[in-house]
Every structure is written in structure tokens, then in C-alpha cells.
């Protein structure tokens, strides 16, 4: 059933603070389990016009807002709750397995900074998150998430199946990480319309899509480092430039490099925690992060 954000049923949720102690970045939370098969999904035409907070309960920057594409599915984790201050109402969602918070006003509606456009809530959908290849002989038409004319999909095109609702499937084009739409996928057609490449195949994910997943994690870690260094500077003398993680994408791999590199041993705990967070957001892609020569490496197969 589709509805507006104001129709969400009240529930509670817990906090997800992050702390840095002795070089160890510790993130506390309960992310959506990969094995869960059903849930509620919120889709908003202009999510950048909502008031969004990241996993560290900080307002998104302009760059971070640009990383949230129109009509991206937001998995509802908790519909009503509060930020860490205990009185700011919000909803907790996940976008690409990354936690976010949507600010609410006193009446329970989502706070906005402009008209958010078409907004739909889909209850109790079935999640898929696998990669399909569309086969020759039975071309399929994609209905864009925002409406408009259907787009003929050519044989060989790959789509990431996200969730099923009634007789339609919400998908993302593998060739365009920010484009979503609906397909009607028959499971018994002859000849077949589609074939499962493999569950969450790495072959169907682009380097750009990998960056979309891991960049918010790296940005959050860097913000925590800046905040910790700013907090301890008054006690330790003149302010020091905090270390930071930098993403270095290449054709066959993506590296996350700690700068200055001489601190990689001191911040090994932070790197292991960041590695775990990357593994979480990469869940379902078939890709894995590893620590190699003092950097975090994501091989692109």
C-alpha cells in the first residue's frame, strides 16, 4: 500500500553514536540485517528537500545531499523516534545500507526545505537485491520512477532488482546508479525475459556505485576525527591537523588511504572499524574490503 510520510505508524528506535578512543573508531548501532526479506520502503522524488542527518546525527552537507539521488529507496528502520538529544523527532532509514535520519516537525510530518514532490510508502515489500540480465527475444519496458514514457530496455541490459511490490519490481539500472524504475518481470515466460546473473553480483556494480556506498562512511569517519581533534586541542596546546582518510579510485581497485601514512600503525583500530563499516555497505555486491600495506583496498572484479 502506498501512502504519504504522514501515514507512518509510530515506533521507537535507539541511538547510533560514534566515538573515537585511543585511535579506535567505534560505531554503535543495529543496522538492518542482510537476511531480512521484508520491510517498508519510502520513496521521495526530491529527498534532498527533506532535512537529512547522517549516521553520526549531523546535518548532511551540500555534497552529501547530492549523493542521494531522486527516488532512491529508503528502507524504514524506525518510523518515529528521537535524535541523540532526546527531544528532536525523526525517522530512521537506510539508504544503500547506510543509516540516515529524517527530521520531523512537532506534528509528526517530515521537515522540508522545499516541496519534496511525489512521495510513496510501500508496506511489507519483499527485498531482492540481486542482478538480472535482460535476454534477447522479449524486450522489457521500464516505467521511470517519476512517471513519463516507458523506456525500452535492450537485450543484455542489467538491472539490480531491489524489491517487489504487487506485480511489479523496483529496479536500478546497473549502468546508471541514480536511475530507478519499475519492471513487470514474468517468472514463467517462454522464451524467458530475464536471467539471474547471480545473487548481488559484483559484475553488475560499477566503480561509481561502489564509491556512492563507501564515500559516506569515509566522510563520517573524517568528521569524527576532526571533532575529536578539535575537542582535545584546548587541552594539548595549539590545534593539530587531524589525520584523514582519502579515497583513491582506479580501474581495478579503490583504495582508502590514511594521511599521513606514518600514522597507519597508530590508527590500526580505526582502520579495522572502518573496514567493517565498508564490508557492511558493500553487502550484497559480491565485493569485499581488505587491509593491505597500511591502506584499505577494495578490489573491483
C-alpha atoms as a PDB file:
ATOM      1  CA  UNK A   1       0.000   0.000   0.000  1.00  0.00           C
ATOM      2  CA  UNK A   2       1.360   3.409  -0.934  1.00  0.00           C
ATOM      3  CA  UNK A   3       0.907   6.449   1.248  1.00  0.00           C
ATOM      4  CA  UNK A   4       2.375   9.732   2.400  1.00  0.00           C
ATOM      5  CA  UNK A   5       5.085  10.147   5.052  1.00  0.00           C
ATOM      6  CA  UNK A   6       2.466  11.379   7.491  1.00  0.00           C
ATOM      7  CA  UNK A   7       0.765   7.983   7.484  1.00  0.00           C
ATOM      8  CA  UNK A   8       3.727   6.154   9.009  1.00  0.00           C
ATOM      9  CA  UNK A   9       2.889   4.328  12.211  1.00  0.00           C
ATOM     10  CA  UNK A  10       4.762   5.403  15.347  1.00  0.00           C
ATOM     11  CA  UNK A  11       7.575   3.177  16.609  1.00  0.00           C
ATOM     12  CA  UNK A  12      10.657   3.684  18.755  1.00  0.00           C
ATOM     13  CA  UNK A  13      14.321   3.358  17.843  1.00  0.00           C
ATOM     14  CA  UNK A  14      17.690   3.517  19.518  1.00  0.00           C
ATOM     15  CA  UNK A  15      20.660   5.812  19.117  1.00  0.00           C
ATOM     16  CA  UNK A  16      23.717   5.163  16.932  1.00  0.00           C
ATOM     17  CA  UNK A  17      26.572   7.237  18.384  1.00  0.00           C
ATOM     18  CA  UNK A  18      30.175   7.068  17.210  1.00  0.00           C
ATOM     19  CA  UNK A  19      33.235   7.626  19.403  1.00  0.00           C
ATOM     20  CA  UNK A  20      36.983   7.651  18.870  1.00  0.00           C
ATOM     21  CA  UNK A  21      39.105   6.373  21.756  1.00  0.00           C
ATOM     22  CA  UNK A  22      42.869   5.855  21.553  1.00  0.00           C
ATOM     23  CA  UNK A  23      42.771   5.639  17.772  1.00  0.00           C
ATOM     24  CA  UNK A  24      39.841   3.195  17.709  1.00  0.00           C
ATOM     25  CA  UNK A  25      36.726   4.302  15.867  1.00  0.00           C
ATOM     26  CA  UNK A  26      33.734   2.557  17.447  1.00  0.00           C
ATOM     27  CA  UNK A  27      30.305   2.796  15.855  1.00  0.00           C
ATOM     28  CA  UNK A  28      27.357   1.578  17.883  1.00  0.00           C
ATOM     29  CA  UNK A  29      24.150   0.596  16.164  1.00  0.00           C
ATOM     30  CA  UNK A  30      21.864  -2.106  14.865  1.00  0.00           C
ATOM     31  CA  UNK A  31      21.854  -1.955  11.048  1.00  0.00           C
ATOM     32  CA  UNK A  32      19.280  -3.737   9.004  1.00  0.00           C
ATOM     33  CA  UNK A  33      20.199  -7.403   8.828  1.00  0.00           C
ATOM     34  CA  UNK A  34      21.135  -8.682   5.401  1.00  0.00           C
ATOM     35  CA  UNK A  35      18.947 -11.746   5.882  1.00  0.00           C
ATOM     36  CA  UNK A  36      15.731  -9.798   6.367  1.00  0.00           C
ATOM     37  CA  UNK A  37      13.391 -10.325   3.446  1.00  0.00           C
ATOM     38  CA  UNK A  38      10.519  -7.898   4.013  1.00  0.00           C
ATOM     39  CA  UNK A  39      10.015  -4.365   5.252  1.00  0.00           C
ATOM     40  CA  UNK A  40       8.662  -0.910   4.450  1.00  0.00           C
ATOM     41  CA  UNK A  41      10.200   1.391   1.853  1.00  0.00           C
ATOM     42  CA  UNK A  42       9.829   5.157   1.466  1.00  0.00           C
ATOM     43  CA  UNK A  43      10.490   6.730  -1.943  1.00  0.00           C
ATOM     44  CA  UNK A  44      10.665  10.518  -2.356  1.00  0.00           C
ATOM     45  CA  UNK A  45      11.053  12.386  -5.628  1.00  0.00           C
ATOM     46  CA  UNK A  46      13.325  15.038  -4.103  1.00  0.00           C
ATOM     47  CA  UNK A  47      14.959  13.549  -0.990  1.00  0.00           C
ATOM     48  CA  UNK A  48      17.400  16.465  -0.956  1.00  0.00           C
ATOM     49  CA  UNK A  49      14.474  18.660   0.092  1.00  0.00           C
ATOM     50  CA  UNK A  50      13.998  16.685   3.290  1.00  0.00           C
ATOM     51  CA  UNK A  51      16.077  17.549   6.337  1.00  0.00           C
ATOM     52  CA  UNK A  52      18.509  14.637   6.464  1.00  0.00           C
ATOM     53  CA  UNK A  53      21.072  13.653   9.088  1.00  0.00           C
ATOM     54  CA  UNK A  54      23.861  11.116   8.593  1.00  0.00           C
ATOM     55  CA  UNK A  55      24.712   8.138  10.793  1.00  0.00           C
ATOM     56  CA  UNK A  56      26.517  10.492  13.195  1.00  0.00           C
ATOM     57  CA  UNK A  57      23.347  12.572  13.523  1.00  0.00           C
ATOM     58  CA  UNK A  58      24.895  15.523  11.729  1.00  0.00           C
ATOM     59  CA  UNK A  59      23.128  17.562   9.067  1.00  0.00           C
ATOM     60  CA  UNK A  60      24.138  16.497   5.559  1.00  0.00           C
ATOM     61  CA  UNK A  61      26.450  18.817   3.666  1.00  0.00           C
ATOM     62  CA  UNK A  62      25.656  20.020   0.148  1.00  0.00           C
ATOM     63  CA  UNK A  63      27.978  17.374  -1.292  1.00  0.00           C
ATOM     64  CA  UNK A  64      26.318  14.647   0.750  1.00  0.00           C
ATOM     65  CA  UNK A  65      22.860  15.755  -0.375  1.00  0.00           C
ATOM     66  CA  UNK A  66      23.996  15.412  -3.988  1.00  0.00           C
ATOM     67  CA  UNK A  67      24.858  11.789  -3.296  1.00  0.00           C
ATOM     68  CA  UNK A  68      21.199  10.962  -2.522  1.00  0.00           C
ATOM     69  CA  UNK A  69      19.537  10.516  -5.926  1.00  0.00           C
ATOM     70  CA  UNK A  70      15.842  11.115  -6.686  1.00  0.00           C
ATOM     71  CA  UNK A  71      13.536   8.179  -5.948  1.00  0.00           C
ATOM     72  CA  UNK A  72      16.213   6.221  -4.110  1.00  0.00           C
ATOM     73  CA  UNK A  73      14.509   3.589  -1.920  1.00  0.00           C
ATOM     74  CA  UNK A  74      14.798   4.342   1.798  1.00  0.00           C
ATOM     75  CA  UNK A  75      14.272   1.271   3.971  1.00  0.00           C
ATOM     76  CA  UNK A  76      12.302   2.271   7.071  1.00  0.00           C
ATOM     77  CA  UNK A  77      14.105   1.055  10.186  1.00  0.00           C
ATOM     78  CA  UNK A  78      12.114   3.085  12.760  1.00  0.00           C
ATOM     79  CA  UNK A  79       9.238   5.355  11.830  1.00  0.00           C
ATOM     80  CA  UNK A  80       9.194   7.599  14.895  1.00  0.00           C
ATOM     81  CA  UNK A  81      11.886   8.313  17.442  1.00  0.00           C
ATOM     82  CA  UNK A  82      14.363  10.970  18.519  1.00  0.00           C
ATOM     83  CA  UNK A  83      17.908  12.024  17.794  1.00  0.00           C
ATOM     84  CA  UNK A  84      20.577  11.641  20.438  1.00  0.00           C
ATOM     85  CA  UNK A  85      19.476  14.848  22.173  1.00  0.00           C
ATOM     86  CA  UNK A  86      16.339  13.013  23.291  1.00  0.00           C
ATOM     87  CA  UNK A  87      13.791  15.524  22.018  1.00  0.00           C
ATOM     88  CA  UNK A  88      14.328  16.110  18.246  1.00  0.00           C
ATOM     89  CA  UNK A  89      11.781  13.858  16.469  1.00  0.00           C
ATOM     90  CA  UNK A  90      12.901  11.912  13.428  1.00  0.00           C
ATOM     91  CA  UNK A  91      12.577   8.691  11.435  1.00  0.00           C
ATOM     92  CA  UNK A  92      15.471   6.237  10.990  1.00  0.00           C
ATOM     93  CA  UNK A  93      16.021   4.834   7.498  1.00  0.00           C
ATOM     94  CA  UNK A  94      18.749   3.128   5.493  1.00  0.00           C
ATOM     95  CA  UNK A  95      19.868   4.185   2.022  1.00  0.00           C
ATOM     96  CA  UNK A  96      22.182   1.674   0.403  1.00  0.00           C
ATOM     97  CA  UNK A  97      22.679   0.057   3.840  1.00  0.00           C
ATOM     98  CA  UNK A  98      23.886   3.365   5.283  1.00  0.00           C
ATOM     99  CA  UNK A  99      21.890   4.800   8.251  1.00  0.00           C
ATOM    100  CA  UNK A 100      20.193   8.192   7.883  1.00  0.00           C
ATOM    101  CA  UNK A 101      17.706  10.179   9.925  1.00  0.00           C
ATOM    102  CA  UNK A 102      14.789  12.211   8.545  1.00  0.00           C
ATOM    103  CA  UNK A 103      13.868  15.164  10.745  1.00  0.00           C
ATOM    104  CA  UNK A 104      10.202  15.504  11.731  1.00  0.00           C
ATOM    105  CA  UNK A 105       8.287  18.552  12.899  1.00  0.00           C
ATOM    106  CA  UNK A 106       6.208  18.731  16.064  1.00  0.00           C
ATOM    107  CA  UNK A 107       3.170  17.444  14.170  1.00  0.00           C
ATOM    108  CA  UNK A 108       4.993  14.295  13.081  1.00  0.00           C
ATOM    109  CA  UNK A 109       5.371  15.273   9.415  1.00  0.00           C
ATOM    110  CA  UNK A 110       8.757  15.288   7.733  1.00  0.00           C
ATOM    111  CA  UNK A 111      10.500  18.647   7.889  1.00  0.00           C
ATOM    112  CA  UNK A 112      11.228  20.004   4.419  1.00  0.00           C
ATOM    113  CA  UNK A 113      13.262  22.698   2.724  1.00  0.00           C
ATOM    114  CA  UNK A 114      11.078  22.962  -0.359  1.00  0.00           C
ATOM    115  CA  UNK A 115       8.490  20.728  -1.974  1.00  0.00           C
ATOM    116  CA  UNK A 116       9.666  17.077  -1.833  1.00  0.00           C
ATOM    117  CA  UNK A 117       7.427  16.089  -4.742  1.00  0.00           C
ATOM    118  CA  UNK A 118       5.969  12.639  -5.255  1.00  0.00           C
ATOM    119  CA  UNK A 119       6.196  10.611  -2.054  1.00  0.00           C
ATOM    120  CA  UNK A 120       5.166   6.983  -1.636  1.00  0.00           C
ATOM    121  CA  UNK A 121       5.338   4.458   1.164  1.00  0.00           C
ATOM    122  CA  UNK A 122       5.339   0.760   0.262  1.00  0.00           C
ATOM    123  CA  UNK A 123       4.412  -1.585   3.081  1.00  0.00           C
ATOM    124  CA  UNK A 124       5.762  -5.070   3.663  1.00  0.00           C
ATOM    125  CA  UNK A 125       7.669  -5.380   0.392  1.00  0.00           C
ATOM    126  CA  UNK A 126       9.970  -8.290  -0.429  1.00  0.00           C
ATOM    127  CA  UNK A 127      13.626  -7.334  -0.889  1.00  0.00           C
ATOM    128  CA  UNK A 128      15.738  -8.944  -3.604  1.00  0.00           C
ATOM    129  CA  UNK A 129      18.985  -7.016  -4.221  1.00  0.00           C
ATOM    130  CA  UNK A 130      20.215  -9.323  -6.966  1.00  0.00           C
ATOM    131  CA  UNK A 131      21.366  -8.687 -10.526  1.00  0.00           C
ATOM    132  CA  UNK A 132      19.372  -9.666 -13.586  1.00  0.00           C
ATOM    133  CA  UNK A 133      20.345  -9.631 -17.242  1.00  0.00           C
ATOM    134  CA  UNK A 134      17.538  -8.988 -19.736  1.00  0.00           C
ATOM    135  CA  UNK A 135      17.618 -11.576 -22.515  1.00  0.00           C
ATOM    136  CA  UNK A 136      17.093 -11.457 -26.247  1.00  0.00           C
ATOM    137  CA  UNK A 137      13.665 -12.082 -27.681  1.00  0.00           C
ATOM    138  CA  UNK A 138      11.492 -10.408 -25.062  1.00  0.00           C
ATOM    139  CA  UNK A 139      12.398  -6.741 -24.594  1.00  0.00           C
ATOM    140  CA  UNK A 140      11.079  -5.166 -21.403  1.00  0.00           C
ATOM    141  CA  UNK A 141       9.872  -1.639 -20.802  1.00  0.00           C
ATOM    142  CA  UNK A 142      10.968   0.330 -17.762  1.00  0.00           C
ATOM    143  CA  UNK A 143       8.487   2.749 -16.233  1.00  0.00           C
ATOM    144  CA  UNK A 144      10.617   5.541 -14.710  1.00  0.00           C
ATOM    145  CA  UNK A 145      10.095   6.135 -11.011  1.00  0.00           C
ATOM    146  CA  UNK A 146       8.985   9.697 -11.705  1.00  0.00           C
ATOM    147  CA  UNK A 147       6.491   8.700 -14.369  1.00  0.00           C
ATOM    148  CA  UNK A 148       6.636   9.589 -18.029  1.00  0.00           C
ATOM    149  CA  UNK A 149       7.072   7.421 -21.090  1.00  0.00           C
ATOM    150  CA  UNK A 150       8.254   3.866 -20.691  1.00  0.00           C
ATOM    151  CA  UNK A 151      11.833   3.163 -21.749  1.00  0.00           C
ATOM    152  CA  UNK A 152      12.542   0.108 -23.893  1.00  0.00           C
ATOM    153  CA  UNK A 153      15.319  -1.973 -22.352  1.00  0.00           C
ATOM    154  CA  UNK A 154      17.679  -3.617 -24.810  1.00  0.00           C
ATOM    155  CA  UNK A 155      18.767  -7.241 -24.638  1.00  0.00           C
ATOM    156  CA  UNK A 156      21.838  -7.636 -22.465  1.00  0.00           C
ATOM    157  CA  UNK A 157      20.961  -4.741 -20.169  1.00  0.00           C
ATOM    158  CA  UNK A 158      21.491  -5.404 -16.481  1.00  0.00           C
ATOM    159  CA  UNK A 159      19.282  -4.240 -13.649  1.00  0.00           C
ATOM    160  CA  UNK A 160      19.594  -4.505  -9.890  1.00  0.00           C
ATOM    161  CA  UNK A 161      16.343  -5.873  -8.525  1.00  0.00           C
ATOM    162  CA  UNK A 162      15.605  -4.018  -5.258  1.00  0.00           C
ATOM    163  CA  UNK A 163      12.131  -5.028  -4.108  1.00  0.00           C
ATOM    164  CA  UNK A 164       8.826  -6.423  -5.329  1.00  0.00           C
ATOM    165  CA  UNK A 165       5.504  -4.685  -4.820  1.00  0.00           C
ATOM    166  CA  UNK A 166       2.340  -6.353  -6.030  1.00  0.00           C
ATOM    167  CA  UNK A 167       3.034  -7.402  -9.640  1.00  0.00           C
ATOM    168  CA  UNK A 168       5.931  -5.026 -10.300  1.00  0.00           C
ATOM    169  CA  UNK A 169       9.619  -4.916  -9.390  1.00  0.00           C
ATOM    170  CA  UNK A 170      11.507  -1.774  -8.434  1.00  0.00           C
ATOM    171  CA  UNK A 171      14.949  -1.798 -10.060  1.00  0.00           C
ATOM    172  CA  UNK A 172      18.044   0.306 -10.534  1.00  0.00           C
ATOM    173  CA  UNK A 173      19.860   0.361 -13.848  1.00  0.00           C
ATOM    174  CA  UNK A 174      23.318  -1.149 -13.384  1.00  0.00           C
ATOM    175  CA  UNK A 175      24.713   1.271 -15.958  1.00  0.00           C
ATOM    176  CA  UNK A 176      23.278   4.315 -14.161  1.00  0.00           C
ATOM    177  CA  UNK A 177      23.429   4.138 -10.340  1.00  0.00           C
ATOM    178  CA  UNK A 178      20.984   7.028  -9.878  1.00  0.00           C
ATOM    179  CA  UNK A 179      18.183   5.799 -12.188  1.00  0.00           C
ATOM    180  CA  UNK A 180      15.266   3.810 -10.804  1.00  0.00           C
ATOM    181  CA  UNK A 181      12.053   2.456 -12.218  1.00  0.00           C
ATOM    182  CA  UNK A 182       9.504  -0.339 -12.387  1.00  0.00           C
ATOM    183  CA  UNK A 183       9.569  -3.517 -14.469  1.00  0.00           C
ATOM    184  CA  UNK A 184       6.999  -6.254 -14.840  1.00  0.00           C
ATOM    185  CA  UNK A 185       9.073  -9.434 -14.693  1.00  0.00           C
ATOM    186  CA  UNK A 186       7.287 -12.643 -15.557  1.00  0.00           C
ATOM    187  CA  UNK A 187       8.734 -15.697 -13.840  1.00  0.00           C
ATOM    188  CA  UNK A 188       7.217 -18.198 -16.255  1.00  0.00           C
ATOM    189  CA  UNK A 189       7.504 -16.548 -19.652  1.00  0.00           C
ATOM    190  CA  UNK A 190       8.601 -18.551 -22.718  1.00  0.00           C
ATOM    191  CA  UNK A 191      11.069 -17.642 -24.048  1.00  0.00           C
ATOM    192  CA  UNK A 192      12.494 -16.206 -20.788  1.00  0.00           C
ATOM    193  CA  UNK A 193      12.635 -12.428 -20.405  1.00  0.00           C
ATOM    194  CA  UNK A 194      15.446 -12.350 -17.889  1.00  0.00           C
ATOM    195  CA  UNK A 195      18.076 -14.432 -16.168  1.00  0.00           C
ATOM    196  CA  UNK A 196      19.584 -14.189 -12.718  1.00  0.00           C
ATOM    197  CA  UNK A 197      23.264 -13.338 -13.117  1.00  0.00           C
ATOM    198  CA  UNK A 198      24.000 -14.167  -9.508  1.00  0.00           C
ATOM    199  CA  UNK A 199      22.869 -13.034  -6.110  1.00  0.00           C
ATOM    200  CA  UNK A 200      24.094  -9.439  -5.740  1.00  0.00           C
ATOM    201  CA  UNK A 201      26.665  -9.932  -8.476  1.00  0.00           C
ATOM    202  CA  UNK A 202      29.805  -7.840  -8.403  1.00  0.00           C
ATOM    203  CA  UNK A 203      29.709  -7.911 -12.209  1.00  0.00           C
ATOM    204  CA  UNK A 204      26.649  -5.694 -12.160  1.00  0.00           C
ATOM    205  CA  UNK A 205      28.025  -2.910  -9.980  1.00  0.00           C
ATOM    206  CA  UNK A 206      30.037  -0.008 -11.332  1.00  0.00           C
ATOM    207  CA  UNK A 207      33.033   1.663  -9.628  1.00  0.00           C
ATOM    208  CA  UNK A 208      30.887   4.788  -9.306  1.00  0.00           C
ATOM    209  CA  UNK A 209      28.248   2.785  -7.425  1.00  0.00           C
ATOM    210  CA  UNK A 210      30.916   1.428  -5.076  1.00  0.00           C
ATOM    211  CA  UNK A 211      32.036   4.990  -4.360  1.00  0.00           C
ATOM    212  CA  UNK A 212      28.443   6.019  -3.665  1.00  0.00           C
ATOM    213  CA  UNK A 213      28.291   3.340  -0.996  1.00  0.00           C
ATOM    214  CA  UNK A 214      31.642   3.843   0.715  1.00  0.00           C
ATOM    215  CA  UNK A 215      32.109   7.625   0.471  1.00  0.00           C
ATOM    216  CA  UNK A 216      29.537   8.451   3.207  1.00  0.00           C
ATOM    217  CA  UNK A 217      31.313   6.005   5.539  1.00  0.00           C
ATOM    218  CA  UNK A 218      34.694   7.633   4.889  1.00  0.00           C
ATOM    219  CA  UNK A 219      33.239  11.140   5.205  1.00  0.00           C
ATOM    220  CA  UNK A 220      31.707  10.202   8.547  1.00  0.00           C
ATOM    221  CA  UNK A 221      34.980   8.823   9.859  1.00  0.00           C
ATOM    222  CA  UNK A 222      36.790  12.020   8.837  1.00  0.00           C
ATOM    223  CA  UNK A 223      34.187  14.176  10.575  1.00  0.00           C
ATOM    224  CA  UNK A 224      34.649  12.186  13.763  1.00  0.00           C
ATOM    225  CA  UNK A 225      38.418  12.642  13.566  1.00  0.00           C
ATOM    226  CA  UNK A 226      38.032  16.397  13.103  1.00  0.00           C
ATOM    227  CA  UNK A 227      35.631  16.655  16.024  1.00  0.00           C
ATOM    228  CA  UNK A 228      37.837  14.642  18.348  1.00  0.00           C
ATOM    229  CA  UNK A 229      40.934  16.657  17.478  1.00  0.00           C
ATOM    230  CA  UNK A 230      39.020  19.915  17.927  1.00  0.00           C
ATOM    231  CA  UNK A 231      37.799  18.758  21.333  1.00  0.00           C
ATOM    232  CA  UNK A 232      41.231  17.742  22.638  1.00  0.00           C
ATOM    233  CA  UNK A 233      43.175  20.714  21.208  1.00  0.00           C
ATOM    234  CA  UNK A 234      42.401  23.083  24.125  1.00  0.00           C
ATOM    235  CA  UNK A 235      43.934  20.514  26.484  1.00  0.00           C
ATOM    236  CA  UNK A 236      47.012  19.695  24.397  1.00  0.00           C
ATOM    237  CA  UNK A 237      48.092  23.107  23.165  1.00  0.00           C
ATOM    238  CA  UNK A 238      47.896  24.528  19.626  1.00  0.00           C
ATOM    239  CA  UNK A 239      45.455  22.737  17.301  1.00  0.00           C
ATOM    240  CA  UNK A 240      46.876  19.871  15.265  1.00  0.00           C
ATOM    241  CA  UNK A 241      45.785  18.907  11.791  1.00  0.00           C
ATOM    242  CA  UNK A 242      43.765  15.705  12.233  1.00  0.00           C
ATOM    243  CA  UNK A 243      44.537  12.663  10.116  1.00  0.00           C
ATOM    244  CA  UNK A 244      42.017  11.826   7.428  1.00  0.00           C
ATOM    245  CA  UNK A 245      41.057   9.022   5.091  1.00  0.00           C
ATOM    246  CA  UNK A 246      41.195   9.636   1.325  1.00  0.00           C
ATOM    247  CA  UNK A 247      39.525   7.549  -1.378  1.00  0.00           C
ATOM    248  CA  UNK A 248      41.699   6.817  -4.424  1.00  0.00           C
ATOM    249  CA  UNK A 249      39.682   5.079  -7.171  1.00  0.00           C
ATOM    250  CA  UNK A 250      41.373   3.264 -10.054  1.00  0.00           C
ATOM    251  CA  UNK A 251      40.231   0.989 -12.861  1.00  0.00           C
ATOM    252  CA  UNK A 252      40.719  -2.258 -10.951  1.00  0.00           C
ATOM    253  CA  UNK A 253      40.511  -1.179  -7.333  1.00  0.00           C
ATOM    254  CA  UNK A 254      39.529   1.506  -4.856  1.00  0.00           C
ATOM    255  CA  UNK A 255      41.936   2.389  -2.066  1.00  0.00           C
ATOM    256  CA  UNK A 256      41.170   4.198   1.166  1.00  0.00           C
ATOM    257  CA  UNK A 257      44.398   5.811   2.357  1.00  0.00           C
ATOM    258  CA  UNK A 258      45.098   7.262   5.795  1.00  0.00           C
ATOM    259  CA  UNK A 259      47.034  10.531   5.622  1.00  0.00           C
ATOM    260  CA  UNK A 260      49.637  10.990   6.894  1.00  0.00           C
ATOM    261  CA  UNK A 261      50.596   7.402   6.202  1.00  0.00           C
ATOM    262  CA  UNK A 262      53.026   7.302   9.123  1.00  0.00           C
ATOM    263  CA  UNK A 263      50.003   7.039  11.450  1.00  0.00           C
ATOM    264  CA  UNK A 264      48.634   3.863   9.878  1.00  0.00           C
ATOM    265  CA  UNK A 265      50.078   1.763  12.711  1.00  0.00           C
ATOM    266  CA  UNK A 266      48.722   4.043  15.442  1.00  0.00           C
ATOM    267  CA  UNK A 267      45.277   4.098  13.857  1.00  0.00           C
ATOM    268  CA  UNK A 268      45.071   0.400  13.054  1.00  0.00           C
ATOM    269  CA  UNK A 269      41.983   0.122  15.267  1.00  0.00           C
ATOM    270  CA  UNK A 270      40.230   2.884  13.340  1.00  0.00           C
ATOM    271  CA  UNK A 271      41.134   1.212  10.067  1.00  0.00           C
ATOM    272  CA  UNK A 272      39.696  -2.120  11.213  1.00  0.00           C
ATOM    273  CA  UNK A 273      36.467  -0.418  12.314  1.00  0.00           C
ATOM    274  CA  UNK A 274      36.267   1.465   9.009  1.00  0.00           C
ATOM    275  CA  UNK A 275      36.904  -1.807   7.183  1.00  0.00           C
ATOM    276  CA  UNK A 276      33.952  -3.389   9.000  1.00  0.00           C
ATOM    277  CA  UNK A 277      31.708  -0.479   8.019  1.00  0.00           C
ATOM    278  CA  UNK A 278      32.781  -0.794   4.384  1.00  0.00           C
ATOM    279  CA  UNK A 279      32.046  -4.501   4.455  1.00  0.00           C
ATOM    280  CA  UNK A 280      28.567  -3.683   5.734  1.00  0.00           C
ATOM    281  CA  UNK A 281      27.725  -1.181   2.993  1.00  0.00           C
ATOM    282  CA  UNK A 282      29.252  -3.468   0.356  1.00  0.00           C
ATOM    283  CA  UNK A 283      26.973  -6.280   1.473  1.00  0.00           C
ATOM    284  CA  UNK A 284      25.072  -7.675  -1.485  1.00  0.00           C
ATOM    285  CA  UNK A 285      27.602  -6.529  -4.092  1.00  0.00           C
ATOM    286  CA  UNK A 286      29.946  -9.502  -4.016  1.00  0.00           C
ATOM    287  CA  UNK A 287      32.842  -7.128  -3.278  1.00  0.00           C
ATOM    288  CA  UNK A 288      34.963  -7.179  -0.128  1.00  0.00           C
ATOM    289  CA  UNK A 289      37.349  -4.749   1.524  1.00  0.00           C
ATOM    290  CA  UNK A 290      40.711  -5.750   2.965  1.00  0.00           C
ATOM    291  CA  UNK A 291      43.664  -4.081   4.660  1.00  0.00           C
ATOM    292  CA  UNK A 292      46.802  -4.169   2.531  1.00  0.00           C
ATOM    293  CA  UNK A 293      50.071  -2.311   3.142  1.00  0.00           C
ATOM    294  CA  UNK A 294      48.513   0.169   5.544  1.00  0.00           C
ATOM    295  CA  UNK A 295      45.523   1.018   3.343  1.00  0.00           C
ATOM    296  CA  UNK A 296      42.011  -0.341   2.900  1.00  0.00           C
ATOM    297  CA  UNK A 297      41.694  -1.958  -0.507  1.00  0.00           C
ATOM    298  CA  UNK A 298      38.507  -2.841  -2.434  1.00  0.00           C
ATOM    299  CA  UNK A 299      39.399  -4.980  -5.474  1.00  0.00           C
ATOM    300  CA  UNK A 300      36.956  -4.499  -8.356  1.00  0.00           C
ATOM    301  CA  UNK A 301      36.406  -7.821 -10.064  1.00  0.00           C
END
